Amino acid sequence: MLLIKWFISALAFLALPYIVGGISVKSFGTALLLAFLWGIVGVTVRPVLMLLALPLNLLTFGIFTFIINGFLLWLLGGMIKGFEVNGFLAAIVGALILSVIHSVTHLIFHRKKD
């Protein structure tokens, strides 16, 4: 199950350049690495940033979460060779699209069995 989610996440990263201008992914190998690191960053760095930004998140009713996710995507763009994010707006829109894809994937794989 974990490998399937990883593969779907890599496909989502490969689809991003076709949906969002300003993002480029060089190859499927880069997308696999991105999917892996996106998961690692989501488990380690994101909770710390969410806690630090809690007052802003409360004031904006959670909208600031998109800024945090965009920042993390932009950060990965600066760290990984073969993945570029040109501009913070592209990072925010890309993170929003990734969130939608991951939410749909989560709904598909975690449906309650009746």
C-alpha atoms as a PDB file:
ATOM      1  CA  MET A   1       0.000   0.000   0.000  1.00  0.00           C
ATOM      2  CA  LEU A   2       2.817   2.406   0.880  1.00  0.00           C
ATOM      3  CA  LEU A   3       4.549   1.777  -2.449  1.00  0.00           C
ATOM      4  CA  ILE A   4       1.327   2.486  -4.338  1.00  0.00           C
ATOM      5  CA  LYS A   5       0.907   5.811  -2.525  1.00  0.00           C
ATOM      6  CA  TRP A   6       4.535   6.657  -3.218  1.00  0.00           C
ATOM      7  CA  PHE A   7       4.046   5.894  -6.923  1.00  0.00           C
ATOM      8  CA  ILE A   8       0.863   8.012  -7.072  1.00  0.00           C
ATOM      9  CA  SER A   9       2.650  10.861  -5.335  1.00  0.00           C
ATOM     10  CA  ALA A  10       5.470  10.628  -7.884  1.00  0.00           C
ATOM     11  CA  LEU A  11       2.900  10.745 -10.693  1.00  0.00           C
ATOM     12  CA  ALA A  12       1.379  13.830  -9.058  1.00  0.00           C
ATOM     13  CA  PHE A  13       4.785  15.501  -9.083  1.00  0.00           C
ATOM     14  CA  LEU A  14       5.198  14.568 -12.754  1.00  0.00           C
ATOM     15  CA  ALA A  15       1.804  16.114 -13.538  1.00  0.00           C
ATOM     16  CA  LEU A  16       2.551  19.408 -11.765  1.00  0.00           C
ATOM     17  CA  PRO A  17       4.511  21.032 -14.634  1.00  0.00           C
ATOM     18  CA  TYR A  18       1.543  20.444 -16.964  1.00  0.00           C
ATOM     19  CA  ILE A  19      -0.879  22.069 -14.515  1.00  0.00           C
ATOM     20  CA  VAL A  20       1.222  24.842 -12.971  1.00  0.00           C
ATOM     21  CA  GLY A  21       3.519  27.066 -14.945  1.00  0.00           C
ATOM     22  CA  GLY A  22       6.825  27.703 -13.243  1.00  0.00           C
ATOM     23  CA  ILE A  23       7.384  24.153 -11.997  1.00  0.00           C
ATOM     24  CA  SER A  24       9.540  21.619 -13.784  1.00  0.00           C
ATOM     25  CA  VAL A  25      10.408  18.006 -12.985  1.00  0.00           C
ATOM     26  CA  LYS A  26      13.257  16.472 -14.989  1.00  0.00           C
ATOM     27  CA  SER A  27      12.463  12.744 -14.803  1.00  0.00           C
ATOM     28  CA  PHE A  28      10.462  10.022 -13.111  1.00  0.00           C
ATOM     29  CA  GLY A  29      13.436   9.291 -10.864  1.00  0.00           C
ATOM     30  CA  THR A  30      13.380  12.896  -9.712  1.00  0.00           C
ATOM     31  CA  ALA A  31       9.640  12.582  -9.084  1.00  0.00           C
ATOM     32  CA  LEU A  32      10.193   9.449  -6.983  1.00  0.00           C
ATOM     33  CA  LEU A  33      12.820  11.258  -4.929  1.00  0.00           C
ATOM     34  CA  LEU A  34      10.479  14.237  -4.567  1.00  0.00           C
ATOM     35  CA  ALA A  35       7.625  12.044  -3.389  1.00  0.00           C
ATOM     36  CA  PHE A  36       9.884  10.418  -0.809  1.00  0.00           C
ATOM     37  CA  LEU A  37      11.281  13.720   0.465  1.00  0.00           C
ATOM     38  CA  TRP A  38       7.822  15.357   0.449  1.00  0.00           C
ATOM     39  CA  GLY A  39       6.706  12.615   2.817  1.00  0.00           C
ATOM     40  CA  ILE A  40       9.776  13.022   5.037  1.00  0.00           C
ATOM     41  CA  VAL A  41       9.384  16.807   5.165  1.00  0.00           C
ATOM     42  CA  GLY A  42       5.663  16.399   5.836  1.00  0.00           C
ATOM     43  CA  VAL A  43       6.371  14.227   8.855  1.00  0.00           C
ATOM     44  CA  THR A  44       9.325  16.159  10.285  1.00  0.00           C
ATOM     45  CA  VAL A  45       9.460  19.833   9.295  1.00  0.00           C
ATOM     46  CA  ARG A  46       5.792  20.577   8.573  1.00  0.00           C
ATOM     47  CA  PRO A  47       4.470  19.860  12.110  1.00  0.00           C
ATOM     48  CA  VAL A  48       7.089  22.187  13.616  1.00  0.00           C
ATOM     49  CA  LEU A  49       6.183  24.969  11.182  1.00  0.00           C
ATOM     50  CA  MET A  50       2.477  24.397  11.794  1.00  0.00           C
ATOM     51  CA  LEU A  51       3.019  24.746  15.541  1.00  0.00           C
ATOM     52  CA  LEU A  52       5.092  27.908  15.128  1.00  0.00           C
ATOM     53  CA  ALA A  53       2.497  29.390  12.769  1.00  0.00           C
ATOM     54  CA  LEU A  54      -0.488  28.410  14.906  1.00  0.00           C
ATOM     55  CA  PRO A  55      -1.449  32.012  15.761  1.00  0.00           C
ATOM     56  CA  LEU A  56      -1.412  32.974  12.064  1.00  0.00           C
ATOM     57  CA  ASN A  57      -3.367  29.857  11.180  1.00  0.00           C
ATOM     58  CA  LEU A  58      -6.000  30.735  13.751  1.00  0.00           C
ATOM     59  CA  LEU A  59      -6.264  34.305  12.491  1.00  0.00           C
ATOM     60  CA  THR A  60      -6.592  33.185   8.873  1.00  0.00           C
ATOM     61  CA  PHE A  61      -8.848  30.213   9.635  1.00  0.00           C
ATOM     62  CA  GLY A  62      -6.229  27.766   8.343  1.00  0.00           C
ATOM     63  CA  ILE A  63      -5.466  29.519   5.072  1.00  0.00           C
ATOM     64  CA  PHE A  64      -1.861  30.092   6.185  1.00  0.00           C
ATOM     65  CA  THR A  65      -1.359  26.328   5.860  1.00  0.00           C
ATOM     66  CA  PHE A  66      -1.208  26.825   2.079  1.00  0.00           C
ATOM     67  CA  ILE A  67       1.649  29.286   2.571  1.00  0.00           C
ATOM     68  CA  ILE A  68       3.531  26.744   4.708  1.00  0.00           C
ATOM     69  CA  ASN A  69       3.001  23.970   2.146  1.00  0.00           C
ATOM     70  CA  GLY A  70       4.097  26.307  -0.647  1.00  0.00           C
ATOM     71  CA  PHE A  71       7.210  27.218   1.308  1.00  0.00           C
ATOM     72  CA  LEU A  72       8.063  23.541   1.777  1.00  0.00           C
ATOM     73  CA  LEU A  73       7.597  22.842  -1.940  1.00  0.00           C
ATOM     74  CA  TRP A  74       9.724  25.881  -2.796  1.00  0.00           C
ATOM     75  CA  LEU A  75      12.353  24.638  -0.324  1.00  0.00           C
ATOM     76  CA  LEU A  76      12.470  21.229  -2.037  1.00  0.00           C
ATOM     77  CA  GLY A  77      12.812  23.030  -5.355  1.00  0.00           C
ATOM     78  CA  GLY A  78      15.981  24.637  -4.089  1.00  0.00           C
ATOM     79  CA  MET A  79      17.400  21.392  -2.717  1.00  0.00           C
ATOM     80  CA  ILE A  80      16.761  18.789  -5.407  1.00  0.00           C
ATOM     81  CA  LYS A  81      18.557  18.812  -8.723  1.00  0.00           C
ATOM     82  CA  GLY A  82      16.072  18.319 -11.554  1.00  0.00           C
ATOM     83  CA  PHE A  83      13.171  19.992  -9.736  1.00  0.00           C
ATOM     84  CA  GLU A  84      12.625  23.715 -10.126  1.00  0.00           C
ATOM     85  CA  VAL A  85      10.007  26.011  -8.709  1.00  0.00           C
ATOM     86  CA  ASN A  86      10.130  29.467 -10.264  1.00  0.00           C
ATOM     87  CA  GLY A  87       8.361  31.790  -7.879  1.00  0.00           C
ATOM     88  CA  PHE A  88       6.528  31.490  -4.632  1.00  0.00           C
ATOM     89  CA  LEU A  89       3.079  31.721  -6.239  1.00  0.00           C
ATOM     90  CA  ALA A  90       3.857  28.666  -8.360  1.00  0.00           C
ATOM     91  CA  ALA A  91       4.930  26.881  -5.173  1.00  0.00           C
ATOM     92  CA  ILE A  92       1.672  27.727  -3.406  1.00  0.00           C
ATOM     93  CA  VAL A  93      -0.487  26.650  -6.350  1.00  0.00           C
ATOM     94  CA  GLY A  94       1.593  23.485  -6.798  1.00  0.00           C
ATOM     95  CA  ALA A  95       1.266  22.638  -3.110  1.00  0.00           C
ATOM     96  CA  LEU A  96      -2.489  23.205  -3.325  1.00  0.00           C
ATOM     97  CA  ILE A  97      -2.772  20.814  -6.261  1.00  0.00           C
ATOM     98  CA  LEU A  98      -0.604  18.232  -4.482  1.00  0.00           C
ATOM     99  CA  SER A  99      -2.852  18.541  -1.427  1.00  0.00           C
ATOM    100  CA  VAL A 100      -5.938  17.862  -3.536  1.00  0.00           C
ATOM    101  CA  ILE A 101      -4.341  14.839  -5.208  1.00  0.00           C
ATOM    102  CA  HIS A 102      -3.144  13.450  -1.881  1.00  0.00           C
ATOM    103  CA  SER A 103      -6.574  14.004  -0.308  1.00  0.00           C
ATOM    104  CA  VAL A 104      -8.287  12.112  -3.118  1.00  0.00           C
ATOM    105  CA  THR A 105      -5.724   9.319  -2.820  1.00  0.00           C
ATOM    106  CA  HIS A 106      -6.327   9.170   0.918  1.00  0.00           C
ATOM    107  CA  LEU A 107     -10.089   8.951   0.382  1.00  0.00           C
ATOM    108  CA  ILE A 108      -9.713   6.158  -2.153  1.00  0.00           C
ATOM    109  CA  PHE A 109      -7.374   4.030  -0.047  1.00  0.00           C
ATOM    110  CA  HIS A 110      -8.914   4.677   3.362  1.00  0.00           C
ATOM    111  CA  ARG A 111     -12.610   4.190   2.731  1.00  0.00           C
ATOM    112  CA  LYS A 112     -14.394   2.534   5.581  1.00  0.00           C
ATOM    113  CA  LYS A 113     -15.397  -1.015   4.841  1.00  0.00           C
ATOM    114  CA  ASP A 114     -19.100  -1.565   5.513  1.00  0.00           C
END
